[in-house]
C-alpha atoms as a PDB file:
ATOM      1  CA  MET A   1     112.410 111.826 111.454  1.00  0.00           C
ATOM      2  CA  ASN A   2     109.166 113.260 112.156  1.00  0.00           C
ATOM      3  CA  THR A   3     106.438 111.665 109.552  1.00  0.00           C
ATOM      4  CA  THR A   4     103.869 114.482 109.861  1.00  0.00           C
ATOM      5  CA  GLU A   5     106.225 116.657 107.873  1.00  0.00           C
ATOM      6  CA  LEU A   6     106.645 114.055 104.858  1.00  0.00           C
ATOM      7  CA  ALA A   7     104.707 114.095 101.605  1.00  0.00           C
ATOM      8  CA  TRP A   8     102.886 110.570 101.955  1.00  0.00           C
ATOM      9  CA  PHE A   9     101.276 109.209  98.992  1.00  0.00           C
ATOM     10  CA  LYS A  10      99.776 105.919  97.771  1.00  0.00           C
ATOM     11  CA  SER A  11     100.216 104.068  94.318  1.00  0.00           C
ATOM     12  CA  SER A  12      97.736 105.498  91.306  1.00  0.00           C
ATOM     13  CA  TYR A  13      97.053 101.207  91.127  1.00  0.00           C
ATOM     14  CA  SER A  14      95.535 101.459  94.774  1.00  0.00           C
ATOM     15  CA  GLY A  15      91.897 100.500  94.957  1.00  0.00           C
ATOM     16  CA  SER A  16      89.177 103.425  96.004  1.00  0.00           C
ATOM     17  CA  GLN A  17      88.335 101.097  99.222  1.00  0.00           C
ATOM     18  CA  GLY A  18      92.007 101.775 100.877  1.00  0.00           C
ATOM     19  CA  ASP A  19      92.125  98.906 102.824  1.00  0.00           C
ATOM     20  CA  SER A  20      94.979  97.029 101.832  1.00  0.00           C
ATOM     21  CA  CYS A  21      97.537  99.564 100.759  1.00  0.00           C
ATOM     22  CA  VAL A  22     100.798 100.995 102.017  1.00  0.00           C
ATOM     23  CA  GLU A  23     101.875 104.578 101.664  1.00  0.00           C
ATOM     24  CA  VAL A  24     105.550 106.099 100.869  1.00  0.00           C
ATOM     25  CA  ALA A  25     107.260 109.155 101.342  1.00  0.00           C
ATOM     26  CA  LEU A  26     110.515 110.293  99.632  1.00  0.00           C
ATOM     27  CA  THR A  27     113.520 111.811 101.643  1.00  0.00           C
ATOM     28  CA  GLU A  28     116.744 112.727 100.285  1.00  0.00           C
ATOM     29  CA  GLN A  29     118.236 109.397 101.882  1.00  0.00           C
ATOM     30  CA  ALA A  30     115.604 107.085 101.976  1.00  0.00           C
ATOM     31  CA  VAL A  31     111.987 106.056 101.052  1.00  0.00           C
ATOM     32  CA  CYS A  32     109.857 105.613 104.178  1.00  0.00           C
ATOM     33  CA  VAL A  33     107.038 103.118 104.138  1.00  0.00           C
ATOM     34  CA  ARG A  34     103.859 102.884 106.377  1.00  0.00           C
ATOM     35  CA  ASP A  35     100.619 101.109 106.631  1.00  0.00           C
ATOM     36  CA  SER A  36      97.563 103.177 105.231  1.00  0.00           C
ATOM     37  CA  LYS A  37      95.294 101.555 107.493  1.00  0.00           C
ATOM     38  CA  ASP A  38      97.041 102.902 110.524  1.00  0.00           C
ATOM     39  CA  VAL A  39      99.495 105.604 110.092  1.00  0.00           C
ATOM     40  CA  THR A  40      99.730 105.765 113.800  1.00  0.00           C
ATOM     41  CA  CYS A  41     101.997 102.664 113.444  1.00  0.00           C
ATOM     42  CA  PRO A  42     105.745 103.101 113.014  1.00  0.00           C
ATOM     43  CA  HIS A  43     107.113 103.137 109.491  1.00  0.00           C
ATOM     44  CA  PHE A  44     110.347 101.948 108.279  1.00  0.00           C
ATOM     45  CA  ALA A  45     112.720 103.524 105.595  1.00  0.00           C
ATOM     46  CA  VAL A  46     114.850 101.804 103.135  1.00  0.00           C
ATOM     47  CA  GLY A  47     117.811 103.314 100.948  1.00  0.00           C
ATOM     48  CA  ARG A  48     116.867 104.523  97.509  1.00  0.00           C
ATOM     49  CA  GLU A  49     118.860 101.939  95.794  1.00  0.00           C
ATOM     50  CA  GLY A  50     117.150  99.245  97.903  1.00  0.00           C
ATOM     51  CA  TRP A  51     114.048 100.447  96.986  1.00  0.00           C
ATOM     52  CA  THR A  52     114.799 100.720  93.429  1.00  0.00           C
ATOM     53  CA  ARG A  53     115.456  97.223  93.387  1.00  0.00           C
ATOM     54  CA  PHE A  54     112.591  96.024  95.243  1.00  0.00           C
ATOM     55  CA  VAL A  55     110.303  97.846  92.601  1.00  0.00           C
ATOM     56  CA  GLY A  56     111.956  96.469  89.884  1.00  0.00           C
ATOM     57  CA  PHE A  57     111.760  92.906  91.268  1.00  0.00           C
ATOM     58  CA  VAL A  58     108.101  93.423  92.076  1.00  0.00           C
ATOM     59  CA  ALA A  59     107.463  94.434  88.666  1.00  0.00           C
ATOM     60  CA  GLY A  60     108.946  91.962  86.964  1.00  0.00           C
ATOM     61  CA  ALA A  61     106.859  89.133  89.143  1.00  0.00           C
END
C-alpha cells in the first residue's frame, strides 16, 4: 500500500503543537496509523473491527 496516496488526518482533539499525535488513514480493509512527528517511519494497519474496539476501549477509559 502506497502511503502517499492515503488521506491522513489527526484527531480534532490534537493540540496545535503537533508534537505528540498519530495520524490515521482509512482504507476499505483497514485503518492505517503513523507517527505524525516522522511520517517517513513505517505505519501499521489494523482491521476496522479491531480499530472500533480499540477506540471504544480508549473512550471508556
